[in-house]
Amino acid sequence: MDIKSRRFKAVDAILLILMILPLVCALVLQVLTSPPSEGISISGAKVFATVSFPLQDLIISEAQVNSWLLIVSLFFLCLYLAHGLSPKAQTKRQLLLEWAFNALENMVHSNMGERFLQFIPFIGAILVLSCFSSLLSLFGLFSPTSDLNVTAGWALVVFALITFYKFKCGPWGYVKSFADPVAVLAPMNLISEVATPVSMAFRHYGNILSGSIISVLIGTAFAGLSSLVLGWLPGILGEFPFLRIGVPAVLSLYFDVVSGVLQAYIFATLTMLYVSSAFNVDEFEARRARKARKKKTL
């Protein structure tokens, strides 16, 4: 092995270590800050610190810390996948990366059209961050998508994009959109405008949180059933939850993996549909033509 190959593998190893290190820190923090408990324990994100501000205190919670640690881990994962890129794919990771980009490009193109291809990085970031946030529960960590504050923050970003693209047709075009198709529906359209980020936030948060709660409840129920049915066994055999083996793992496979990936896909799809439908192409082109004519007359 030459020096160049050894250097390449050394950089790969460093990037992998830096990718895993934030998750290890999250696990250590979880162990150090979780008090011993008996029975069912279902609670929200732990609050690590509170910073005083004039209007409202800033709360540093477990959801925020896990989110930032996950972002750092994903950053080094991206560096690892992008390490050694070449015009012609020579590694399996580059082939995987090109396949993922093509799939993402087709997804954005089919849902938003040619005009919105610049949204590929944004939609990709939403998909990856949402998926891995939900998958953190597989390691016993608090999933950031189980906190309404996190999903509400994402929904507000999407709502800002929706409003921005509506304003590209002019302030009057934005106001006029509430009277579409008839002015009588303006109050309903206004309520629908506000309900968009609310529904996106609660849908994602509710599905992930409910899955975690159901897994905990069923796992605890099977542990109690095992003690009731097999408690007559001698010694440690009577205390071991035999009936709990397998069932929580299958439930976790669905609620944490399948449901988490599905909710990430739904959130990204709704983002694409809401943003693209907010942009009235005909109105935008007509407004630009009016501006061009007005500029010529001047």
C-alpha atoms as a PDB file:
ATOM      1  CA  MET A   1       0.000   0.000   0.000  1.00  0.00           C
ATOM      2  CA  ASP A   2       1.503   3.336  -1.067  1.00  0.00           C
ATOM      3  CA  ILE A   3       1.572   6.546   0.966  1.00  0.00           C
ATOM      4  CA  LYS A   4      -1.385   8.041  -0.918  1.00  0.00           C
ATOM      5  CA  SER A   5      -3.622   5.044  -0.127  1.00  0.00           C
ATOM      6  CA  ARG A   6      -2.583   5.052   3.539  1.00  0.00           C
ATOM      7  CA  ARG A   7      -3.332   8.778   3.762  1.00  0.00           C
ATOM      8  CA  PHE A   8      -6.742   8.249   2.129  1.00  0.00           C
ATOM      9  CA  LYS A   9      -7.649   5.481   4.597  1.00  0.00           C
ATOM     10  CA  ALA A  10      -6.375   7.552   7.521  1.00  0.00           C
ATOM     11  CA  VAL A  11      -8.649  10.463   6.555  1.00  0.00           C
ATOM     12  CA  ASP A  12     -11.554   8.025   6.210  1.00  0.00           C
ATOM     13  CA  ALA A  13     -10.893   6.647   9.691  1.00  0.00           C
ATOM     14  CA  ILE A  14     -10.704  10.142  11.212  1.00  0.00           C
ATOM     15  CA  LEU A  15     -13.991  11.165   9.558  1.00  0.00           C
ATOM     16  CA  LEU A  16     -15.713   7.991  10.793  1.00  0.00           C
ATOM     17  CA  ILE A  17     -14.469   8.595  14.345  1.00  0.00           C
ATOM     18  CA  LEU A  18     -15.637  12.209  14.233  1.00  0.00           C
ATOM     19  CA  MET A  19     -18.999  10.990  12.918  1.00  0.00           C
ATOM     20  CA  ILE A  20     -19.481   8.502  15.763  1.00  0.00           C
ATOM     21  CA  LEU A  21     -18.093  10.734  18.525  1.00  0.00           C
ATOM     22  CA  PRO A  22     -21.160  13.058  18.813  1.00  0.00           C
ATOM     23  CA  LEU A  23     -23.444  10.023  19.186  1.00  0.00           C
ATOM     24  CA  VAL A  24     -21.170   8.629  21.902  1.00  0.00           C
ATOM     25  CA  CYS A  25     -21.334  11.994  23.679  1.00  0.00           C
ATOM     26  CA  ALA A  26     -25.140  11.880  23.464  1.00  0.00           C
ATOM     27  CA  LEU A  27     -25.173   8.367  24.969  1.00  0.00           C
ATOM     28  CA  VAL A  28     -22.844   9.392  27.800  1.00  0.00           C
ATOM     29  CA  LEU A  29     -24.985  12.454  28.509  1.00  0.00           C
ATOM     30  CA  GLN A  30     -28.085  10.246  28.498  1.00  0.00           C
ATOM     31  CA  VAL A  31     -26.569   7.873  31.068  1.00  0.00           C
ATOM     32  CA  LEU A  32     -25.269  10.651  33.327  1.00  0.00           C
ATOM     33  CA  THR A  33     -28.511  12.644  33.378  1.00  0.00           C
ATOM     34  CA  SER A  34     -31.061   9.803  33.591  1.00  0.00           C
ATOM     35  CA  PRO A  35     -32.009   8.946  37.187  1.00  0.00           C
ATOM     36  CA  PRO A  36     -32.791   5.300  37.998  1.00  0.00           C
ATOM     37  CA  SER A  37     -36.500   4.565  37.720  1.00  0.00           C
ATOM     38  CA  GLU A  38     -38.835   1.613  38.145  1.00  0.00           C
ATOM     39  CA  GLY A  39     -41.825   0.767  35.987  1.00  0.00           C
ATOM     40  CA  ILE A  40     -43.083   2.913  33.143  1.00  0.00           C
ATOM     41  CA  SER A  41     -41.313   6.222  32.671  1.00  0.00           C
ATOM     42  CA  ILE A  42     -42.635   8.448  29.870  1.00  0.00           C
ATOM     43  CA  SER A  43     -41.495  12.042  29.892  1.00  0.00           C
ATOM     44  CA  GLY A  44     -40.512  14.812  27.524  1.00  0.00           C
ATOM     45  CA  ALA A  45     -37.066  16.135  26.785  1.00  0.00           C
ATOM     46  CA  LYS A  46     -34.916  16.812  29.842  1.00  0.00           C
ATOM     47  CA  VAL A  47     -34.026  20.462  30.460  1.00  0.00           C
ATOM     48  CA  PHE A  48     -30.273  20.876  30.926  1.00  0.00           C
ATOM     49  CA  ALA A  49     -30.078  24.652  31.402  1.00  0.00           C
ATOM     50  CA  THR A  50     -32.155  27.821  31.297  1.00  0.00           C
ATOM     51  CA  VAL A  51     -30.681  31.110  30.080  1.00  0.00           C
ATOM     52  CA  SER A  52     -32.467  34.243  31.236  1.00  0.00           C
ATOM     53  CA  PHE A  53     -33.590  36.753  28.608  1.00  0.00           C
ATOM     54  CA  PRO A  54     -35.780  39.859  28.968  1.00  0.00           C
ATOM     55  CA  LEU A  55     -38.769  38.572  26.981  1.00  0.00           C
ATOM     56  CA  GLN A  56     -38.515  34.821  27.484  1.00  0.00           C
ATOM     57  CA  ASP A  57     -36.001  32.407  28.964  1.00  0.00           C
ATOM     58  CA  LEU A  58     -33.974  30.267  26.561  1.00  0.00           C
ATOM     59  CA  ILE A  59     -34.288  26.592  27.476  1.00  0.00           C
ATOM     60  CA  ILE A  60     -31.495  24.200  26.526  1.00  0.00           C
ATOM     61  CA  SER A  61     -33.242  20.846  26.331  1.00  0.00           C
ATOM     62  CA  GLU A  62     -32.312  17.286  25.428  1.00  0.00           C
ATOM     63  CA  ALA A  63     -34.030  17.690  22.049  1.00  0.00           C
ATOM     64  CA  GLN A  64     -31.846  20.679  21.136  1.00  0.00           C
ATOM     65  CA  VAL A  65     -28.621  19.035  22.298  1.00  0.00           C
ATOM     66  CA  ASN A  66     -29.370  15.803  20.436  1.00  0.00           C
ATOM     67  CA  SER A  67     -30.295  17.789  17.324  1.00  0.00           C
ATOM     68  CA  TRP A  68     -26.995  19.667  17.288  1.00  0.00           C
ATOM     69  CA  LEU A  69     -24.967  16.535  18.030  1.00  0.00           C
ATOM     70  CA  LEU A  70     -26.784  14.777  15.190  1.00  0.00           C
ATOM     71  CA  ILE A  71     -26.092  17.695  12.825  1.00  0.00           C
ATOM     72  CA  VAL A  72     -22.377  17.481  13.664  1.00  0.00           C
ATOM     73  CA  SER A  73     -22.434  13.720  13.096  1.00  0.00           C
ATOM     74  CA  LEU A  74     -24.218  14.133   9.745  1.00  0.00           C
ATOM     75  CA  PHE A  75     -21.720  16.817   8.745  1.00  0.00           C
ATOM     76  CA  PHE A  76     -18.821  14.382   9.099  1.00  0.00           C
ATOM     77  CA  LEU A  77     -20.886  11.648   7.399  1.00  0.00           C
ATOM     78  CA  CYS A  78     -21.260  13.952   4.386  1.00  0.00           C
ATOM     79  CA  LEU A  79     -17.531  14.640   4.410  1.00  0.00           C
ATOM     80  CA  TYR A  80     -16.866  10.899   4.516  1.00  0.00           C
ATOM     81  CA  LEU A  81     -19.217  10.208   1.592  1.00  0.00           C
ATOM     82  CA  ALA A  82     -17.747  13.095  -0.413  1.00  0.00           C
ATOM     83  CA  HIS A  83     -14.149  12.130   0.304  1.00  0.00           C
ATOM     84  CA  GLY A  84     -12.381  10.956  -2.826  1.00  0.00           C
ATOM     85  CA  LEU A  85     -14.975  12.035  -5.373  1.00  0.00           C
ATOM     86  CA  SER A  86     -13.824  11.802  -8.978  1.00  0.00           C
ATOM     87  CA  PRO A  87     -15.362  12.547 -12.410  1.00  0.00           C
ATOM     88  CA  LYS A  88     -15.825   8.802 -12.891  1.00  0.00           C
ATOM     89  CA  ALA A  89     -17.149   6.859  -9.902  1.00  0.00           C
ATOM     90  CA  GLN A  90     -14.428   4.595  -8.502  1.00  0.00           C
ATOM     91  CA  THR A  91     -15.824   3.811  -5.037  1.00  0.00           C
ATOM     92  CA  LYS A  92     -19.064   2.278  -3.804  1.00  0.00           C
ATOM     93  CA  ARG A  93     -19.782   5.324  -1.667  1.00  0.00           C
ATOM     94  CA  GLN A  94     -19.674   7.592  -4.732  1.00  0.00           C
ATOM     95  CA  LEU A  95     -22.057   5.267  -6.567  1.00  0.00           C
ATOM     96  CA  LEU A  96     -24.381   5.375  -3.550  1.00  0.00           C
ATOM     97  CA  LEU A  97     -24.110   9.160  -3.404  1.00  0.00           C
ATOM     98  CA  GLU A  98     -24.857   9.562  -7.113  1.00  0.00           C
ATOM     99  CA  TRP A  99     -27.844   7.217  -6.853  1.00  0.00           C
ATOM    100  CA  ALA A 100     -29.226   9.159  -3.874  1.00  0.00           C
ATOM    101  CA  PHE A 101     -28.769  12.488  -5.655  1.00  0.00           C
ATOM    102  CA  ASN A 102     -30.495  11.230  -8.813  1.00  0.00           C
ATOM    103  CA  ALA A 103     -33.405   9.881  -6.766  1.00  0.00           C
ATOM    104  CA  LEU A 104     -33.683  13.185  -4.904  1.00  0.00           C
ATOM    105  CA  GLU A 105     -33.494  15.171  -8.131  1.00  0.00           C
ATOM    106  CA  ASN A 106     -36.283  13.094  -9.676  1.00  0.00           C
ATOM    107  CA  MET A 107     -38.359  13.521  -6.533  1.00  0.00           C
ATOM    108  CA  VAL A 108     -38.020  17.315  -6.534  1.00  0.00           C
ATOM    109  CA  HIS A 109     -38.548  17.563 -10.285  1.00  0.00           C
ATOM    110  CA  SER A 110     -41.733  15.454 -10.220  1.00  0.00           C
ATOM    111  CA  ASN A 111     -43.245  17.348  -7.268  1.00  0.00           C
ATOM    112  CA  MET A 112     -42.059  20.912  -7.889  1.00  0.00           C
ATOM    113  CA  GLY A 113     -41.019  21.164 -11.534  1.00  0.00           C
ATOM    114  CA  GLU A 114     -37.935  22.443 -13.342  1.00  0.00           C
ATOM    115  CA  ARG A 115     -38.109  25.884 -11.767  1.00  0.00           C
ATOM    116  CA  PHE A 116     -37.505  24.576  -8.241  1.00  0.00           C
ATOM    117  CA  LEU A 117     -34.481  22.324  -8.759  1.00  0.00           C
ATOM    118  CA  GLN A 118     -32.500  24.617  -6.440  1.00  0.00           C
ATOM    119  CA  PHE A 119     -34.531  23.070  -3.614  1.00  0.00           C
ATOM    120  CA  ILE A 120     -32.690  19.745  -3.928  1.00  0.00           C
ATOM    121  CA  PRO A 121     -30.212  20.472  -1.059  1.00  0.00           C
ATOM    122  CA  PHE A 122     -32.992  21.796   1.190  1.00  0.00           C
ATOM    123  CA  ILE A 123     -35.311  18.823   0.635  1.00  0.00           C
ATOM    124  CA  GLY A 124     -32.381  16.442   1.040  1.00  0.00           C
ATOM    125  CA  ALA A 125     -31.465  18.088   4.355  1.00  0.00           C
ATOM    126  CA  ILE A 126     -35.053  17.753   5.617  1.00  0.00           C
ATOM    127  CA  LEU A 127     -35.197  14.070   4.658  1.00  0.00           C
ATOM    128  CA  VAL A 128     -31.851  13.111   6.167  1.00  0.00           C
ATOM    129  CA  LEU A 129     -32.209  15.144   9.376  1.00  0.00           C
ATOM    130  CA  SER A 130     -35.762  13.939   9.980  1.00  0.00           C
ATOM    131  CA  CYS A 131     -34.915  10.286   9.304  1.00  0.00           C
ATOM    132  CA  PHE A 132     -31.857  10.184  11.544  1.00  0.00           C
ATOM    133  CA  SER A 133     -33.607  12.194  14.277  1.00  0.00           C
ATOM    134  CA  SER A 134     -36.291   9.512  14.490  1.00  0.00           C
ATOM    135  CA  LEU A 135     -33.715   6.702  14.305  1.00  0.00           C
ATOM    136  CA  LEU A 136     -31.899   8.021  17.397  1.00  0.00           C
ATOM    137  CA  SER A 137     -34.474   6.211  19.535  1.00  0.00           C
ATOM    138  CA  LEU A 138     -32.962   2.905  18.369  1.00  0.00           C
ATOM    139  CA  PHE A 139     -29.911   3.792  20.492  1.00  0.00           C
ATOM    140  CA  GLY A 140     -32.031   4.702  23.522  1.00  0.00           C
ATOM    141  CA  LEU A 141     -31.648   8.435  22.862  1.00  0.00           C
ATOM    142  CA  PHE A 142     -34.419  11.001  22.925  1.00  0.00           C
ATOM    143  CA  SER A 143     -35.617  11.601  19.375  1.00  0.00           C
ATOM    144  CA  PRO A 144     -35.720  15.323  18.500  1.00  0.00           C
ATOM    145  CA  THR A 145     -38.788  14.678  16.340  1.00  0.00           C
ATOM    146  CA  SER A 146     -40.598  13.639  19.549  1.00  0.00           C
ATOM    147  CA  ASP A 147     -40.394  17.299  20.655  1.00  0.00           C
ATOM    148  CA  LEU A 148     -42.997  19.665  19.234  1.00  0.00           C
ATOM    149  CA  ASN A 149     -40.547  22.579  19.420  1.00  0.00           C
ATOM    150  CA  VAL A 150     -38.264  20.911  16.865  1.00  0.00           C
ATOM    151  CA  THR A 151     -40.940  20.008  14.318  1.00  0.00           C
ATOM    152  CA  ALA A 152     -42.618  23.396  14.820  1.00  0.00           C
ATOM    153  CA  GLY A 153     -39.328  25.105  14.011  1.00  0.00           C
ATOM    154  CA  TRP A 154     -39.050  23.138  10.768  1.00  0.00           C
ATOM    155  CA  ALA A 155     -42.685  23.948   9.915  1.00  0.00           C
ATOM    156  CA  LEU A 156     -42.084  27.679  10.473  1.00  0.00           C
ATOM    157  CA  VAL A 157     -39.158  27.577   8.043  1.00  0.00           C
ATOM    158  CA  VAL A 158     -41.429  25.955   5.445  1.00  0.00           C
ATOM    159  CA  PHE A 159     -44.148  28.525   6.180  1.00  0.00           C
ATOM    160  CA  ALA A 160     -41.629  31.346   5.605  1.00  0.00           C
ATOM    161  CA  LEU A 161     -40.748  29.823   2.215  1.00  0.00           C
ATOM    162  CA  ILE A 162     -44.432  29.535   1.298  1.00  0.00           C
ATOM    163  CA  THR A 163     -45.014  33.198   2.177  1.00  0.00           C
ATOM    164  CA  PHE A 164     -41.881  34.282   0.301  1.00  0.00           C
ATOM    165  CA  TYR A 165     -42.986  32.597  -2.924  1.00  0.00           C
ATOM    166  CA  LYS A 166     -46.476  34.035  -2.591  1.00  0.00           C
ATOM    167  CA  PHE A 167     -44.964  37.520  -2.244  1.00  0.00           C
ATOM    168  CA  LYS A 168     -42.923  37.014  -5.437  1.00  0.00           C
ATOM    169  CA  CYS A 169     -46.166  37.817  -7.269  1.00  0.00           C
ATOM    170  CA  GLY A 170     -46.359  41.137  -5.403  1.00  0.00           C
ATOM    171  CA  PRO A 171     -48.114  42.227  -2.176  1.00  0.00           C
ATOM    172  CA  TRP A 172     -51.404  42.583  -4.005  1.00  0.00           C
ATOM    173  CA  GLY A 173     -51.033  39.100  -5.455  1.00  0.00           C
ATOM    174  CA  TYR A 174     -50.505  37.745  -1.942  1.00  0.00           C
ATOM    175  CA  VAL A 175     -53.638  39.468  -0.614  1.00  0.00           C
ATOM    176  CA  LYS A 176     -55.618  38.411  -3.678  1.00  0.00           C
ATOM    177  CA  SER A 177     -54.678  34.761  -3.129  1.00  0.00           C
ATOM    178  CA  PHE A 178     -56.911  34.650  -0.062  1.00  0.00           C
ATOM    179  CA  ALA A 179     -59.938  35.415  -2.280  1.00  0.00           C
ATOM    180  CA  ASP A 180     -59.236  32.436  -4.556  1.00  0.00           C
ATOM    181  CA  PRO A 181     -61.533  31.127  -6.004  1.00  0.00           C
ATOM    182  CA  VAL A 182     -64.159  33.488  -4.543  1.00  0.00           C
ATOM    183  CA  ALA A 183     -63.932  36.305  -2.013  1.00  0.00           C
ATOM    184  CA  VAL A 184     -66.440  34.599   0.314  1.00  0.00           C
ATOM    185  CA  LEU A 185     -63.811  31.950   1.111  1.00  0.00           C
ATOM    186  CA  ALA A 186     -61.251  34.509   2.329  1.00  0.00           C
ATOM    187  CA  PRO A 187     -61.760  33.702   6.056  1.00  0.00           C
ATOM    188  CA  MET A 188     -61.393  29.968   5.367  1.00  0.00           C
ATOM    189  CA  ASN A 189     -58.282  30.577   3.263  1.00  0.00           C
ATOM    190  CA  LEU A 190     -56.781  32.663   6.062  1.00  0.00           C
ATOM    191  CA  ILE A 191     -57.422  29.888   8.583  1.00  0.00           C
ATOM    192  CA  SER A 192     -55.927  27.380   6.140  1.00  0.00           C
ATOM    193  CA  GLU A 193     -52.826  29.568   5.804  1.00  0.00           C
ATOM    194  CA  VAL A 194     -52.239  29.500   9.570  1.00  0.00           C
ATOM    195  CA  ALA A 195     -53.156  25.827   9.858  1.00  0.00           C
ATOM    196  CA  THR A 196     -50.487  24.743   7.362  1.00  0.00           C
ATOM    197  CA  PRO A 197     -47.436  24.957   9.692  1.00  0.00           C
ATOM    198  CA  VAL A 198     -49.519  23.799  12.670  1.00  0.00           C
ATOM    199  CA  SER A 199     -50.671  20.625  10.903  1.00  0.00           C
ATOM    200  CA  MET A 200     -47.165  19.876   9.588  1.00  0.00           C
ATOM    201  CA  ALA A 201     -45.626  20.229  13.041  1.00  0.00           C
ATOM    202  CA  PHE A 202     -48.257  18.198  14.906  1.00  0.00           C
ATOM    203  CA  ARG A 203     -48.429  15.431  12.278  1.00  0.00           C
ATOM    204  CA  HIS A 204     -44.702  14.708  12.422  1.00  0.00           C
ATOM    205  CA  TYR A 205     -44.386  15.134  16.186  1.00  0.00           C
ATOM    206  CA  GLY A 206     -47.541  13.166  17.011  1.00  0.00           C
ATOM    207  CA  ASN A 207     -46.699  10.115  14.917  1.00  0.00           C
ATOM    208  CA  ILE A 208     -43.165   9.776  16.269  1.00  0.00           C
ATOM    209  CA  LEU A 209     -44.137  10.402  19.911  1.00  0.00           C
ATOM    210  CA  SER A 210     -47.129   8.039  19.816  1.00  0.00           C
ATOM    211  CA  GLY A 211     -44.940   5.271  18.386  1.00  0.00           C
ATOM    212  CA  SER A 212     -42.425   5.670  21.226  1.00  0.00           C
ATOM    213  CA  ILE A 213     -45.177   5.613  23.856  1.00  0.00           C
ATOM    214  CA  ILE A 214     -46.848   2.518  22.382  1.00  0.00           C
ATOM    215  CA  SER A 215     -43.508   0.667  22.280  1.00  0.00           C
ATOM    216  CA  VAL A 216     -42.820   1.468  25.939  1.00  0.00           C
ATOM    217  CA  LEU A 217     -46.313   0.500  27.100  1.00  0.00           C
ATOM    218  CA  ILE A 218     -46.374  -2.823  25.233  1.00  0.00           C
ATOM    219  CA  GLY A 219     -42.833  -3.692  26.324  1.00  0.00           C
ATOM    220  CA  THR A 220     -43.727  -3.025  29.971  1.00  0.00           C
ATOM    221  CA  ALA A 221     -46.967  -4.995  29.630  1.00  0.00           C
ATOM    222  CA  PHE A 222     -45.129  -8.041  28.274  1.00  0.00           C
ATOM    223  CA  ALA A 223     -42.596  -7.803  31.110  1.00  0.00           C
ATOM    224  CA  GLY A 224     -45.456  -7.869  33.627  1.00  0.00           C
ATOM    225  CA  LEU A 225     -47.141 -10.749  31.789  1.00  0.00           C
ATOM    226  CA  SER A 226     -43.895 -12.706  31.840  1.00  0.00           C
ATOM    227  CA  SER A 227     -43.608 -12.219  35.598  1.00  0.00           C
ATOM    228  CA  LEU A 228     -47.229 -13.330  36.042  1.00  0.00           C
ATOM    229  CA  VAL A 229     -47.042 -16.430  33.842  1.00  0.00           C
ATOM    230  CA  LEU A 230     -43.442 -17.540  34.401  1.00  0.00           C
ATOM    231  CA  GLY A 231     -42.827 -16.149  37.869  1.00  0.00           C
ATOM    232  CA  TRP A 232     -42.987 -19.662  39.352  1.00  0.00           C
ATOM    233  CA  LEU A 233     -39.651 -20.564  37.732  1.00  0.00           C
ATOM    234  CA  PRO A 234     -36.813 -20.869  40.270  1.00  0.00           C
ATOM    235  CA  GLY A 235     -34.271 -18.122  40.906  1.00  0.00           C
ATOM    236  CA  ILE A 236     -33.352 -15.640  38.229  1.00  0.00           C
ATOM    237  CA  LEU A 237     -35.415 -17.513  35.620  1.00  0.00           C
ATOM    238  CA  GLY A 238     -38.617 -16.297  37.264  1.00  0.00           C
ATOM    239  CA  GLU A 239     -37.427 -12.708  37.179  1.00  0.00           C
ATOM    240  CA  PHE A 240     -36.249 -12.706  33.565  1.00  0.00           C
ATOM    241  CA  PRO A 241     -38.878 -11.189  31.164  1.00  0.00           C
ATOM    242  CA  PHE A 242     -38.934 -14.008  28.581  1.00  0.00           C
ATOM    243  CA  LEU A 243     -42.169 -12.832  26.948  1.00  0.00           C
ATOM    244  CA  ARG A 244     -40.633  -9.414  26.344  1.00  0.00           C
ATOM    245  CA  ILE A 245     -37.999 -10.841  24.010  1.00  0.00           C
ATOM    246  CA  GLY A 246     -38.640 -10.086  20.363  1.00  0.00           C
ATOM    247  CA  VAL A 247     -41.922  -8.149  20.576  1.00  0.00           C
ATOM    248  CA  PRO A 248     -40.423  -4.723  21.456  1.00  0.00           C
ATOM    249  CA  ALA A 249     -37.786  -5.224  18.764  1.00  0.00           C
ATOM    250  CA  VAL A 250     -40.434  -5.838  16.090  1.00  0.00           C
ATOM    251  CA  LEU A 251     -42.451  -2.835  17.281  1.00  0.00           C
ATOM    252  CA  SER A 252     -39.321  -0.695  17.304  1.00  0.00           C
ATOM    253  CA  LEU A 253     -38.573  -1.823  13.756  1.00  0.00           C
ATOM    254  CA  TYR A 254     -41.927  -0.412  12.678  1.00  0.00           C
ATOM    255  CA  PHE A 255     -42.346   2.665  14.870  1.00  0.00           C
ATOM    256  CA  ASP A 256     -38.719   3.824  14.817  1.00  0.00           C
ATOM    257  CA  VAL A 257     -37.600   2.781  11.340  1.00  0.00           C
ATOM    258  CA  VAL A 258     -40.616   2.433   9.029  1.00  0.00           C
ATOM    259  CA  SER A 259     -42.730   5.142  10.629  1.00  0.00           C
ATOM    260  CA  GLY A 260     -39.760   7.490  11.064  1.00  0.00           C
ATOM    261  CA  VAL A 261     -38.704   7.220   7.424  1.00  0.00           C
ATOM    262  CA  LEU A 262     -42.326   7.499   6.271  1.00  0.00           C
ATOM    263  CA  GLN A 263     -42.959  10.665   8.301  1.00  0.00           C
ATOM    264  CA  ALA A 264     -39.751  12.214   6.957  1.00  0.00           C
ATOM    265  CA  TYR A 265     -40.909  11.479   3.407  1.00  0.00           C
ATOM    266  CA  ILE A 266     -44.377  12.927   4.114  1.00  0.00           C
ATOM    267  CA  PHE A 267     -42.922  16.102   5.641  1.00  0.00           C
ATOM    268  CA  ALA A 268     -40.583  16.597   2.667  1.00  0.00           C
ATOM    269  CA  THR A 269     -43.376  15.908   0.165  1.00  0.00           C
ATOM    270  CA  LEU A 270     -45.724  18.378   1.856  1.00  0.00           C
ATOM    271  CA  THR A 271     -42.932  20.958   1.836  1.00  0.00           C
ATOM    272  CA  MET A 272     -42.474  20.554  -1.911  1.00  0.00           C
ATOM    273  CA  LEU A 273     -46.196  20.660  -2.660  1.00  0.00           C
ATOM    274  CA  TYR A 274     -46.941  23.663  -0.432  1.00  0.00           C
ATOM    275  CA  VAL A 275     -44.010  25.741  -1.718  1.00  0.00           C
ATOM    276  CA  SER A 276     -44.554  24.954  -5.403  1.00  0.00           C
ATOM    277  CA  SER A 277     -48.319  25.539  -5.218  1.00  0.00           C
ATOM    278  CA  ALA A 278     -47.753  28.884  -3.465  1.00  0.00           C
ATOM    279  CA  PHE A 279     -45.926  30.215  -6.513  1.00  0.00           C
ATOM    280  CA  ASN A 280     -48.322  31.401  -9.220  1.00  0.00           C
ATOM    281  CA  VAL A 281     -46.174  31.202 -12.352  1.00  0.00           C
ATOM    282  CA  ASP A 282     -48.677  32.965 -14.613  1.00  0.00           C
ATOM    283  CA  GLU A 283     -49.116  35.858 -12.194  1.00  0.00           C
ATOM    284  CA  PHE A 284     -45.356  36.128 -11.714  1.00  0.00           C
ATOM    285  CA  GLU A 285     -44.665  36.215 -15.467  1.00  0.00           C
ATOM    286  CA  ALA A 286     -47.443  38.787 -16.019  1.00  0.00           C
ATOM    287  CA  ARG A 287     -46.031  40.990 -13.241  1.00  0.00           C
ATOM    288  CA  ARG A 288     -42.535  40.743 -14.693  1.00  0.00           C
ATOM    289  CA  ALA A 289     -43.857  41.657 -18.138  1.00  0.00           C
ATOM    290  CA  ARG A 290     -45.628  44.707 -16.698  1.00  0.00           C
ATOM    291  CA  LYS A 291     -42.419  45.786 -15.006  1.00  0.00           C
ATOM    292  CA  ALA A 292     -40.496  45.398 -18.285  1.00  0.00           C
ATOM    293  CA  ARG A 293     -43.031  47.490 -20.213  1.00  0.00           C
ATOM    294  CA  LYS A 294     -43.007  50.136 -17.515  1.00  0.00           C
ATOM    295  CA  LYS A 295     -39.208  50.251 -17.610  1.00  0.00           C
ATOM    296  CA  LYS A 296     -39.230  50.717 -21.406  1.00  0.00           C
ATOM    297  CA  THR A 297     -41.655  53.628 -21.194  1.00  0.00           C
ATOM    298  CA  LEU A 298     -39.390  55.343 -18.713  1.00  0.00           C
END
